Amino acid sequence: LDVNDYQDKLIQEIKNKVLILKERAKPFQRDVEME
C-alpha cells in the first residue's frame, strides 16, 4: 500500500542516503551506521 506516493518517495530517499554512505565507507574503508 502507498498513500500519495509516500512509499515511493521514502524508497528514493533511503536509496540516496545509502549511495552517499556507501561512497563514504569505501575510501575510508570503515563501517558506517545508519539511523
Full PDB file with SEQRES, HELIX, SHEET, SSBOND, CRYST1, ORIGX, SCALE, CONECT and MASTER records, all heavy atoms in Angstrom:
SEQRES   1 A   35  LEU ASP VAL ASN ASP TYR GLN ASP LYS LEU ILE GLN GLU          
SEQRES   2 A   35  ILE LYS ASN LYS VAL LEU ILE LEU LYS GLU ARG ALA LYS          
SEQRES   3 A   35  PRO PHE GLN ARG ASP VAL GLU MET GLU                          
HELIX    1 AA1 TYR A    6  PHE A   28  1                                  23    
CRYST1    1.000    1.000    1.000  90.00  90.00  90.00 P 1           1          
ORIGX1      1.000000  0.000000  0.000000        0.00000                         
ORIGX2      0.000000  1.000000  0.000000        0.00000                         
ORIGX3      0.000000  0.000000  1.000000        0.00000                         
SCALE1      1.000000  0.000000  0.000000        0.00000                         
SCALE2      0.000000  1.000000  0.000000        0.00000                         
SCALE3      0.000000  0.000000  1.000000        0.00000                         
ATOM      1  N   LEU A   1       0.852  -1.188   0.000  1.00  0.00           N  
ATOM      2  CA  LEU A   1       0.000   0.000   0.000  1.00  0.00           C  
ATOM      3  C   LEU A   1       0.884   1.233   0.000  1.00  0.00           C  
ATOM      4  O   LEU A   1       1.956   1.240   0.603  1.00  0.00           O  
ATOM      5  CB  LEU A   1      -0.861   0.057   1.260  1.00  0.00           C  
ATOM      6  CG  LEU A   1      -2.082  -0.832   1.338  1.00  0.00           C  
ATOM      7  CD1 LEU A   1      -2.839  -0.528   2.623  1.00  0.00           C  
ATOM      8  CD2 LEU A   1      -2.984  -0.670   0.153  1.00  0.00           C  
ATOM      9  N   ASP A   2       0.399   2.256  -0.644  1.00  0.00           N  
ATOM     10  CA  ASP A   2       1.084   3.539  -0.646  1.00  0.00           C  
ATOM     11  C   ASP A   2       0.022   4.625  -0.566  1.00  0.00           C  
ATOM     12  O   ASP A   2      -1.118   4.404  -0.973  1.00  0.00           O  
ATOM     13  CB  ASP A   2       1.911   3.689  -1.928  1.00  0.00           C  
ATOM     14  CG  ASP A   2       2.993   4.744  -1.832  1.00  0.00           C  
ATOM     15  OD1 ASP A   2       3.018   5.492  -0.827  1.00  0.00           O  
ATOM     16  OD2 ASP A   2       3.816   4.828  -2.755  1.00  0.00           O  
ATOM     17  N   VAL A   3       0.369   5.753  -0.017  1.00  0.00           N  
ATOM     18  CA  VAL A   3      -0.544   6.885   0.061  1.00  0.00           C  
ATOM     19  C   VAL A   3       0.151   8.085  -0.570  1.00  0.00           C  
ATOM     20  O   VAL A   3       1.233   8.487  -0.113  1.00  0.00           O  
ATOM     21  CB  VAL A   3      -0.942   7.205   1.522  1.00  0.00           C  
ATOM     22  CG1 VAL A   3      -1.795   8.457   1.582  1.00  0.00           C  
ATOM     23  CG2 VAL A   3      -1.663   6.030   2.154  1.00  0.00           C  
ATOM     24  N   ASN A   4      -0.444   8.610  -1.628  1.00  0.00           N  
ATOM     25  CA  ASN A   4       0.101   9.780  -2.333  1.00  0.00           C  
ATOM     26  C   ASN A   4       1.591   9.633  -2.629  1.00  0.00           C  
ATOM     27  O   ASN A   4       2.369  10.577  -2.467  1.00  0.00           O  
ATOM     28  CB  ASN A   4      -0.173  11.066  -1.556  1.00  0.00           C  
ATOM     29  CG  ASN A   4      -1.646  11.377  -1.443  1.00  0.00           C  
ATOM     30  OD1 ASN A   4      -2.471  10.812  -2.141  1.00  0.00           O  
ATOM     31  ND2 ASN A   4      -1.993  12.278  -0.542  1.00  0.00           N  
ATOM     32  N   ASP A   5       2.011   8.430  -3.024  1.00  0.00           N  
ATOM     33  CA  ASP A   5       3.407   8.112  -3.375  1.00  0.00           C  
ATOM     34  C   ASP A   5       4.395   8.294  -2.223  1.00  0.00           C  
ATOM     35  O   ASP A   5       5.591   8.472  -2.444  1.00  0.00           O  
ATOM     36  CB  ASP A   5       3.858   8.926  -4.596  1.00  0.00           C  
ATOM     37  CG  ASP A   5       3.137   8.504  -5.857  1.00  0.00           C  
ATOM     38  OD1 ASP A   5       2.976   7.287  -6.065  1.00  0.00           O  
ATOM     39  OD2 ASP A   5       2.732   9.387  -6.631  1.00  0.00           O  
ATOM     40  N   TYR A   6       3.922   8.217  -0.984  1.00  0.00           N  
ATOM     41  CA  TYR A   6       4.799   8.341   0.187  1.00  0.00           C  
ATOM     42  C   TYR A   6       5.886   7.263   0.169  1.00  0.00           C  
ATOM     43  O   TYR A   6       7.061   7.557   0.373  1.00  0.00           O  
ATOM     44  CB  TYR A   6       3.972   8.247   1.476  1.00  0.00           C  
ATOM     45  CG  TYR A   6       4.825   8.166   2.727  1.00  0.00           C  
ATOM     46  CD1 TYR A   6       5.349   9.316   3.299  1.00  0.00           C  
ATOM     47  CD2 TYR A   6       5.115   6.936   3.322  1.00  0.00           C  
ATOM     48  CE1 TYR A   6       6.136   9.249   4.437  1.00  0.00           C  
ATOM     49  CE2 TYR A   6       5.899   6.865   4.455  1.00  0.00           C  
ATOM     50  CZ  TYR A   6       6.409   8.022   5.014  1.00  0.00           C  
ATOM     51  OH  TYR A   6       7.194   7.940   6.132  1.00  0.00           O  
ATOM     52  N   GLN A   7       5.497   5.994  -0.057  1.00  0.00           N  
ATOM     53  CA  GLN A   7       6.462   4.895  -0.032  1.00  0.00           C  
ATOM     54  C   GLN A   7       7.499   5.061  -1.141  1.00  0.00           C  
ATOM     55  O   GLN A   7       8.680   4.803  -0.935  1.00  0.00           O  
ATOM     56  CB  GLN A   7       5.755   3.538  -0.202  1.00  0.00           C  
ATOM     57  CG  GLN A   7       4.856   3.176   0.945  1.00  0.00           C  
ATOM     58  CD  GLN A   7       5.610   2.672   2.161  1.00  0.00           C  
ATOM     59  OE1 GLN A   7       6.795   2.947   2.355  1.00  0.00           O  
ATOM     60  NE2 GLN A   7       4.931   1.939   2.999  1.00  0.00           N  
ATOM     61  N   ASP A   8       7.051   5.474  -2.315  1.00  0.00           N  
ATOM     62  CA  ASP A   8       7.965   5.659  -3.433  1.00  0.00           C  
ATOM     63  C   ASP A   8       9.011   6.725  -3.104  1.00  0.00           C  
ATOM     64  O   ASP A   8      10.200   6.549  -3.359  1.00  0.00           O  
ATOM     65  CB  ASP A   8       7.173   6.039  -4.692  1.00  0.00           C  
ATOM     66  CG  ASP A   8       7.984   5.886  -5.958  1.00  0.00           C  
ATOM     67  OD1 ASP A   8       8.714   4.881  -6.084  1.00  0.00           O  
ATOM     68  OD2 ASP A   8       7.900   6.780  -6.819  1.00  0.00           O  
ATOM     69  N   LYS A   9       8.563   7.833  -2.522  1.00  0.00           N  
ATOM     70  CA  LYS A   9       9.491   8.903  -2.125  1.00  0.00           C  
ATOM     71  C   LYS A   9      10.431   8.427  -1.022  1.00  0.00           C  
ATOM     72  O   LYS A   9      11.624   8.744  -1.030  1.00  0.00           O  
ATOM     73  CB  LYS A   9       8.708  10.130  -1.671  1.00  0.00           C  
ATOM     74  CG  LYS A   9       7.954  10.809  -2.791  1.00  0.00           C  
ATOM     75  CD  LYS A   9       7.037  11.895  -2.270  1.00  0.00           C  
ATOM     76  CE  LYS A   9       6.121  12.396  -3.381  1.00  0.00           C  
ATOM     77  NZ  LYS A   9       5.018  13.207  -2.889  1.00  0.00           N  
ATOM     78  N   LEU A  10       9.905   7.635  -0.084  1.00  0.00           N  
ATOM     79  CA  LEU A  10      10.722   7.086   1.002  1.00  0.00           C  
ATOM     80  C   LEU A  10      11.816   6.177   0.453  1.00  0.00           C  
ATOM     81  O   LEU A  10      12.977   6.268   0.854  1.00  0.00           O  
ATOM     82  CB  LEU A  10       9.843   6.318   1.995  1.00  0.00           C  
ATOM     83  CG  LEU A  10      10.559   5.612   3.143  1.00  0.00           C  
ATOM     84  CD1 LEU A  10      11.181   6.631   4.095  1.00  0.00           C  
ATOM     85  CD2 LEU A  10       9.601   4.698   3.887  1.00  0.00           C  
ATOM     86  N   ILE A  11      11.449   5.316  -0.484  1.00  0.00           N  
ATOM     87  CA  ILE A  11      12.427   4.410  -1.092  1.00  0.00           C  
ATOM     88  C   ILE A  11      13.543   5.201  -1.767  1.00  0.00           C  
ATOM     89  O   ILE A  11      14.730   4.901  -1.588  1.00  0.00           O  
ATOM     90  CB  ILE A  11      11.737   3.463  -2.098  1.00  0.00           C  
ATOM     91  CG1 ILE A  11      10.849   2.468  -1.360  1.00  0.00           C  
ATOM     92  CG2 ILE A  11      12.761   2.735  -2.965  1.00  0.00           C  
ATOM     93  CD1 ILE A  11       9.912   1.684  -2.268  1.00  0.00           C  
ATOM     94  N   GLN A  12      13.191   6.223  -2.531  1.00  0.00           N  
ATOM     95  CA  GLN A  12      14.201   7.030  -3.214  1.00  0.00           C  
ATOM     96  C   GLN A  12      15.100   7.760  -2.217  1.00  0.00           C  
ATOM     97  O   GLN A  12      16.318   7.842  -2.410  1.00  0.00           O  
ATOM     98  CB  GLN A  12      13.539   8.027  -4.167  1.00  0.00           C  
ATOM     99  CG  GLN A  12      12.909   7.366  -5.373  1.00  0.00           C  
ATOM    100  CD  GLN A  12      13.870   6.432  -6.100  1.00  0.00           C  
ATOM    101  OE1 GLN A  12      15.018   6.761  -6.368  1.00  0.00           O  
ATOM    102  NE2 GLN A  12      13.400   5.238  -6.408  1.00  0.00           N  
ATOM    103  N   GLU A  13      14.497   8.275  -1.148  1.00  0.00           N  
ATOM    104  CA  GLU A  13      15.273   8.973  -0.113  1.00  0.00           C  
ATOM    105  C   GLU A  13      16.267   8.026   0.556  1.00  0.00           C  
ATOM    106  O   GLU A  13      17.443   8.362   0.747  1.00  0.00           O  
ATOM    107  CB  GLU A  13      14.307   9.552   0.927  1.00  0.00           C  
ATOM    108  CG  GLU A  13      14.971  10.355   2.016  1.00  0.00           C  
ATOM    109  CD  GLU A  13      13.936  10.886   3.003  1.00  0.00           C  
ATOM    110  OE1 GLU A  13      12.964  11.517   2.578  1.00  0.00           O  
ATOM    111  OE2 GLU A  13      14.129  10.646   4.219  1.00  0.00           O  
ATOM    112  N   ILE A  14      15.817   6.822   0.883  1.00  0.00           N  
ATOM    113  CA  ILE A  14      16.701   5.839   1.528  1.00  0.00           C  
ATOM    114  C   ILE A  14      17.811   5.421   0.570  1.00  0.00           C  
ATOM    115  O   ILE A  14      18.982   5.339   0.961  1.00  0.00           O  
ATOM    116  CB  ILE A  14      15.894   4.618   2.020  1.00  0.00           C  
ATOM    117  CG1 ILE A  14      15.006   5.035   3.195  1.00  0.00           C  
ATOM    118  CG2 ILE A  14      16.821   3.479   2.428  1.00  0.00           C  
ATOM    119  CD1 ILE A  14      14.011   3.986   3.634  1.00  0.00           C  
ATOM    120  N   LYS A  15      17.472   5.171  -0.685  1.00  0.00           N  
ATOM    121  CA  LYS A  15      18.495   4.770  -1.668  1.00  0.00           C  
ATOM    122  C   LYS A  15      19.541   5.865  -1.857  1.00  0.00           C  
ATOM    123  O   LYS A  15      20.730   5.577  -1.999  1.00  0.00           O  
ATOM    124  CB  LYS A  15      17.847   4.422  -3.002  1.00  0.00           C  
ATOM    125  CG  LYS A  15      17.156   3.072  -2.986  1.00  0.00           C  
ATOM    126  CD  LYS A  15      16.574   2.741  -4.338  1.00  0.00           C  
ATOM    127  CE  LYS A  15      15.973   1.351  -4.354  1.00  0.00           C  
ATOM    128  NZ  LYS A  15      15.399   1.004  -5.670  1.00  0.00           N  
ATOM    129  N   ASN A  16      19.117   7.130  -1.838  1.00  0.00           N  
ATOM    130  CA  ASN A  16      20.070   8.232  -1.946  1.00  0.00           C  
ATOM    131  C   ASN A  16      21.001   8.276  -0.738  1.00  0.00           C  
ATOM    132  O   ASN A  16      22.208   8.490  -0.881  1.00  0.00           O  
ATOM    133  CB  ASN A  16      19.340   9.566  -2.111  1.00  0.00           C  
ATOM    134  CG  ASN A  16      18.680   9.712  -3.469  1.00  0.00           C  
ATOM    135  OD1 ASN A  16      19.060   9.045  -4.429  1.00  0.00           O  
ATOM    136  ND2 ASN A  16      17.683  10.566  -3.548  1.00  0.00           N  
ATOM    137  N   LYS A  17      20.456   8.079   0.470  1.00  0.00           N  
ATOM    138  CA  LYS A  17      21.291   8.040   1.678  1.00  0.00           C  
ATOM    139  C   LYS A  17      22.285   6.889   1.610  1.00  0.00           C  
ATOM    140  O   LYS A  17      23.461   7.045   1.959  1.00  0.00           O  
ATOM    141  CB  LYS A  17      20.417   7.861   2.930  1.00  0.00           C  
ATOM    142  CG  LYS A  17      19.737   9.099   3.410  1.00  0.00           C  
ATOM    143  CD  LYS A  17      18.956   8.799   4.682  1.00  0.00           C  
ATOM    144  CE  LYS A  17      18.102   9.972   5.095  1.00  0.00           C  
ATOM    145  NZ  LYS A  17      17.285   9.657   6.278  1.00  0.00           N  
ATOM    146  N   VAL A  18      21.805   5.724   1.163  1.00  0.00           N  
ATOM    147  CA  VAL A  18      22.671   4.544   1.074  1.00  0.00           C  
ATOM    148  C   VAL A  18      23.817   4.802   0.100  1.00  0.00           C  
ATOM    149  O   VAL A  18      24.966   4.459   0.384  1.00  0.00           O  
ATOM    150  CB  VAL A  18      21.853   3.294   0.657  1.00  0.00           C  
ATOM    151  CG1 VAL A  18      22.757   2.146   0.256  1.00  0.00           C  
ATOM    152  CG2 VAL A  18      20.929   2.871   1.790  1.00  0.00           C  
ATOM    153  N   LEU A  19      23.521   5.420  -1.028  1.00  0.00           N  
ATOM    154  CA  LEU A  19      24.559   5.726  -2.016  1.00  0.00           C  
ATOM    155  C   LEU A  19      25.641   6.614  -1.401  1.00  0.00           C  
ATOM    156  O   LEU A  19      26.837   6.354  -1.552  1.00  0.00           O  
ATOM    157  CB  LEU A  19      23.933   6.403  -3.235  1.00  0.00           C  
ATOM    158  CG  LEU A  19      24.880   6.726  -4.381  1.00  0.00           C  
ATOM    159  CD1 LEU A  19      25.475   5.454  -4.967  1.00  0.00           C  
ATOM    160  CD2 LEU A  19      24.150   7.511  -5.452  1.00  0.00           C  
ATOM    161  N   ILE A  20      25.236   7.631  -0.667  1.00  0.00           N  
ATOM    162  CA  ILE A  20      26.187   8.539  -0.018  1.00  0.00           C  
ATOM    163  C   ILE A  20      27.007   7.791   1.034  1.00  0.00           C  
ATOM    164  O   ILE A  20      28.236   7.929   1.092  1.00  0.00           O  
ATOM    165  CB  ILE A  20      25.445   9.735   0.616  1.00  0.00           C  
ATOM    166  CG1 ILE A  20      24.875  10.639  -0.483  1.00  0.00           C  
ATOM    167  CG2 ILE A  20      26.352  10.521   1.556  1.00  0.00           C  
ATOM    168  CD1 ILE A  20      23.865  11.662   0.007  1.00  0.00           C  
ATOM    169  N   LEU A  21      26.337   6.965   1.850  1.00  0.00           N  
ATOM    170  CA  LEU A  21      27.048   6.249   2.912  1.00  0.00           C  
ATOM    171  C   LEU A  21      27.978   5.177   2.353  1.00  0.00           C  
ATOM    172  O   LEU A  21      29.059   4.942   2.902  1.00  0.00           O  
ATOM    173  CB  LEU A  21      26.050   5.654   3.905  1.00  0.00           C  
ATOM    174  CG  LEU A  21      25.271   6.687   4.719  1.00  0.00           C  
ATOM    175  CD1 LEU A  21      24.222   6.010   5.588  1.00  0.00           C  
ATOM    176  CD2 LEU A  21      26.210   7.535   5.571  1.00  0.00           C  
ATOM    177  N   LYS A  22      27.588   4.527   1.259  1.00  0.00           N  
ATOM    178  CA  LYS A  22      28.477   3.555   0.619  1.00  0.00           C  
ATOM    179  C   LYS A  22      29.728   4.245   0.105  1.00  0.00           C  
ATOM    180  O   LYS A  22      30.838   3.730   0.260  1.00  0.00           O  
ATOM    181  CB  LYS A  22      27.770   2.857  -0.547  1.00  0.00           C  
ATOM    182  CG  LYS A  22      26.830   1.780  -0.131  1.00  0.00           C  
ATOM    183  CD  LYS A  22      26.122   1.035  -1.243  1.00  0.00           C  
ATOM    184  CE  LYS A  22      26.461   1.290  -2.651  1.00  0.00           C  
ATOM    185  NZ  LYS A  22      25.701   0.470  -3.613  1.00  0.00           N  
ATOM    186  N   GLU A  23      29.558   5.407  -0.492  1.00  0.00           N  
ATOM    187  CA  GLU A  23      30.702   6.151  -1.019  1.00  0.00           C  
ATOM    188  C   GLU A  23      31.583   6.691   0.109  1.00  0.00           C  
ATOM    189  O   GLU A  23      32.752   6.967  -0.104  1.00  0.00           O  
ATOM    190  CB  GLU A  23      30.241   7.270  -1.944  1.00  0.00           C  
ATOM    191  CG  GLU A  23      29.582   6.770  -3.211  1.00  0.00           C  
ATOM    192  CD  GLU A  23      30.420   5.742  -3.960  1.00  0.00           C  
ATOM    193  OE1 GLU A  23      31.635   5.960  -4.161  1.00  0.00           O  
ATOM    194  OE2 GLU A  23      29.862   4.694  -4.340  1.00  0.00           O  
ATOM    195  N   ARG A  24      31.031   6.830   1.288  1.00  0.00           N  
ATOM    196  CA  ARG A  24      31.824   7.236   2.448  1.00  0.00           C  
ATOM    197  C   ARG A  24      32.590   6.035   3.010  1.00  0.00           C  
ATOM    198  O   ARG A  24      33.736   6.159   3.439  1.00  0.00           O  
ATOM    199  CB  ARG A  24      30.894   7.807   3.520  1.00  0.00           C  
ATOM    200  CG  ARG A  24      31.635   8.422   4.693  1.00  0.00           C  
ATOM    201  CD  ARG A  24      30.704   9.045   5.686  1.00  0.00           C  
ATOM    202  NE  ARG A  24      29.998  10.172   5.091  1.00  0.00           N  
ATOM    203  CZ  ARG A  24      28.914  10.730   5.597  1.00  0.00           C  
ATOM    204  NH1 ARG A  24      28.388  10.252   6.699  1.00  0.00           N  
ATOM    205  NH2 ARG A  24      28.341  11.749   5.005  1.00  0.00           N  
ATOM    206  N   ALA A  25      31.959   4.857   2.999  1.00  0.00           N  
ATOM    207  CA  ALA A  25      32.580   3.656   3.558  1.00  0.00           C  
ATOM    208  C   ALA A  25      33.759   3.173   2.722  1.00  0.00           C  
ATOM    209  O   ALA A  25      34.757   2.706   3.267  1.00  0.00           O  
ATOM    210  CB  ALA A  25      31.544   2.538   3.683  1.00  0.00           C  
ATOM    211  N   LYS A  26      33.678   3.294   1.423  1.00  0.00           N  
ATOM    212  CA  LYS A  26      34.715   2.741   0.540  1.00  0.00           C  
ATOM    213  C   LYS A  26      36.074   3.436   0.669  1.00  0.00           C  
ATOM    214  O   LYS A  26      37.068   2.769   0.944  1.00  0.00           O  
ATOM    215  CB  LYS A  26      34.235   2.748  -0.911  1.00  0.00           C  
ATOM    216  CG  LYS A  26      33.164   1.717  -1.172  1.00  0.00           C  
ATOM    217  CD  LYS A  26      32.684   1.795  -2.603  1.00  0.00           C  
ATOM    218  CE  LYS A  26      31.564   0.834  -2.864  1.00  0.00           C  
ATOM    219  NZ  LYS A  26      31.097   0.902  -4.264  1.00  0.00           N  
ATOM    220  N   PRO A  27      36.169   4.748   0.479  1.00  0.00           N  
ATOM    221  CA  PRO A  27      37.510   5.344   0.539  1.00  0.00           C  
ATOM    222  C   PRO A  27      38.130   5.310   1.939  1.00  0.00           C  
ATOM    223  O   PRO A  27      39.342   5.199   2.075  1.00  0.00           O  
ATOM    224  CB  PRO A  27      37.304   6.782   0.061  1.00  0.00           C  
ATOM    225  CG  PRO A  27      35.867   7.063   0.201  1.00  0.00           C  
ATOM    226  CD  PRO A  27      35.161   5.749   0.109  1.00  0.00           C  
ATOM    227  N   PHE A  28      37.276   5.394   2.959  1.00  0.00           N  
ATOM    228  CA  PHE A  28      37.793   5.373   4.329  1.00  0.00           C  
ATOM    229  C   PHE A  28      37.915   3.948   4.853  1.00  0.00           C  
ATOM    230  O   PHE A  28      38.474   3.730   5.921  1.00  0.00           O  
ATOM    231  CB  PHE A  28      36.893   6.199   5.253  1.00  0.00           C  
ATOM    232  CG  PHE A  28      36.880   7.664   4.920  1.00  0.00           C  
ATOM    233  CD1 PHE A  28      35.736   8.263   4.436  1.00  0.00           C  
ATOM    234  CD2 PHE A  28      38.025   8.436   5.072  1.00  0.00           C  
ATOM    235  CE1 PHE A  28      35.725   9.624   4.114  1.00  0.00           C  
ATOM    236  CE2 PHE A  28      38.023   9.784   4.754  1.00  0.00           C  
ATOM    237  CZ  PHE A  28      36.868  10.384   4.268  1.00  0.00           C  
ATOM    238  N   GLN A  29      37.385   2.987   4.100  1.00  0.00           N  
ATOM    239  CA  GLN A  29      37.400   1.576   4.485  1.00  0.00           C  
ATOM    240  C   GLN A  29      36.917   1.397   5.925  1.00  0.00           C  
ATOM    241  O   GLN A  29      37.543   0.723   6.739  1.00  0.00           O  
ATOM    242  CB  GLN A  29      38.790   0.980   4.272  1.00  0.00           C  
ATOM    243  CG  GLN A  29      39.224   1.034   2.835  1.00  0.00           C  
ATOM    244  CD  GLN A  29      40.576   0.413   2.601  1.00  0.00           C  
ATOM    245  OE1 GLN A  29      41.216  -0.105   3.502  1.00  0.00           O  
ATOM    246  NE2 GLN A  29      41.025   0.452   1.354  1.00  0.00           N  
ATOM    247  N   ARG A  30      35.780   1.999   6.202  1.00  0.00           N  
ATOM    248  CA  ARG A  30      35.183   1.976   7.539  1.00  0.00           C  
ATOM    249  C   ARG A  30      33.719   1.576   7.443  1.00  0.00           C  
ATOM    250  O   ARG A  30      33.059   1.783   6.438  1.00  0.00           O  
ATOM    251  CB  ARG A  30      35.236   3.363   8.184  1.00  0.00           C  
ATOM    252  CG  ARG A  30      36.619   3.896   8.393  1.00  0.00           C  
ATOM    253  CD  ARG A  30      37.122   3.483   9.767  1.00  0.00           C  
ATOM    254  NE  ARG A  30      38.379   4.140  10.030  1.00  0.00           N  
ATOM    255  CZ  ARG A  30      39.492   3.506  10.287  1.00  0.00           C  
ATOM    256  NH1 ARG A  30      39.519   2.213  10.317  1.00  0.00           N  
ATOM    257  NH2 ARG A  30      40.596   4.164  10.528  1.00  0.00           N  
ATOM    258  N   ASP A  31      33.207   1.018   8.536  1.00  0.00           N  
ATOM    259  CA  ASP A  31      31.788   0.717   8.643  1.00  0.00           C  
ATOM    260  C   ASP A  31      31.035   2.013   8.926  1.00  0.00           C  
ATOM    261  O   ASP A  31      31.543   2.892   9.622  1.00  0.00           O  
ATOM    262  CB  ASP A  31      31.521  -0.268   9.781  1.00  0.00           C  
ATOM    263  CG  ASP A  31      32.193  -1.616   9.547  1.00  0.00           C  
ATOM    264  OD1 ASP A  31      32.675  -1.862   8.420  1.00  0.00           O  
ATOM    265  OD2 ASP A  31      32.225  -2.422  10.492  1.00  0.00           O  
ATOM    266  N   VAL A  32      29.832   2.116   8.376  1.00  0.00           N  
ATOM    267  CA  VAL A  32      29.003   3.304   8.561  1.00  0.00           C  
ATOM    268  C   VAL A  32      27.642   2.843   9.081  1.00  0.00           C  
ATOM    269  O   VAL A  32      27.006   1.976   8.479  1.00  0.00           O  
ATOM    270  CB  VAL A  32      28.822   4.074   7.234  1.00  0.00           C  
ATOM    271  CG1 VAL A  32      27.954   5.292   7.445  1.00  0.00           C  
ATOM    272  CG2 VAL A  32      30.166   4.465   6.651  1.00  0.00           C  
ATOM    273  N   GLU A  33      27.208   3.426  10.206  1.00  0.00           N  
ATOM    274  CA  GLU A  33      25.911   3.075  10.785  1.00  0.00           C  
ATOM    275  C   GLU A  33      24.848   4.039  10.302  1.00  0.00           C  
ATOM    276  O   GLU A  33      25.060   5.243  10.274  1.00  0.00           O  
ATOM    277  CB  GLU A  33      25.968   3.168  12.316  1.00  0.00           C  
ATOM    278  CG  GLU A  33      26.478   1.946  12.978  1.00  0.00           C  
ATOM    279  CD  GLU A  33      26.303   1.983  14.495  1.00  0.00           C  
ATOM    280  OE1 GLU A  33      25.424   2.700  14.998  1.00  0.00           O  
ATOM    281  OE2 GLU A  33      27.060   1.279  15.159  1.00  0.00           O  
ATOM    282  N   MET A  34      23.704   3.474   9.954  1.00  0.00           N  
ATOM    283  CA  MET A  34      22.559   4.312   9.598  1.00  0.00           C  
ATOM    284  C   MET A  34      21.745   4.565  10.862  1.00  0.00           C  
ATOM    285  O   MET A  34      21.939   3.905  11.875  1.00  0.00           O  
ATOM    286  CB  MET A  34      21.704   3.617   8.547  1.00  0.00           C  
ATOM    287  CG  MET A  34      22.443   3.448   7.224  1.00  0.00           C  
ATOM    288  SD  MET A  34      21.357   2.990   5.878  1.00  0.00           S  
ATOM    289  CE  MET A  34      20.401   4.482   5.666  1.00  0.00           C  
ATOM    290  N   GLU A  35      20.815   5.521  10.775  1.00  0.00           N  
ATOM    291  CA  GLU A  35      19.927   5.762  11.901  1.00  0.00           C  
ATOM    292  C   GLU A  35      18.935   4.606  11.990  1.00  0.00           C  
ATOM    293  O   GLU A  35      18.717   3.889  11.012  1.00  0.00           O  
ATOM    294  CB  GLU A  35      19.200   7.107  11.763  1.00  0.00           C  
ATOM    295  CG  GLU A  35      18.254   7.188  10.599  1.00  0.00           C  
ATOM    296  CD  GLU A  35      18.902   7.633   9.296  1.00  0.00           C  
ATOM    297  OE1 GLU A  35      20.116   7.880   9.254  1.00  0.00           O  
ATOM    298  OE2 GLU A  35      18.182   7.704   8.287  1.00  0.00           O  
TER     299      GLU A  35                                                      
MASTER        0    0    0    1    0    0    0    6  298    1    0    3          
END                                                                             
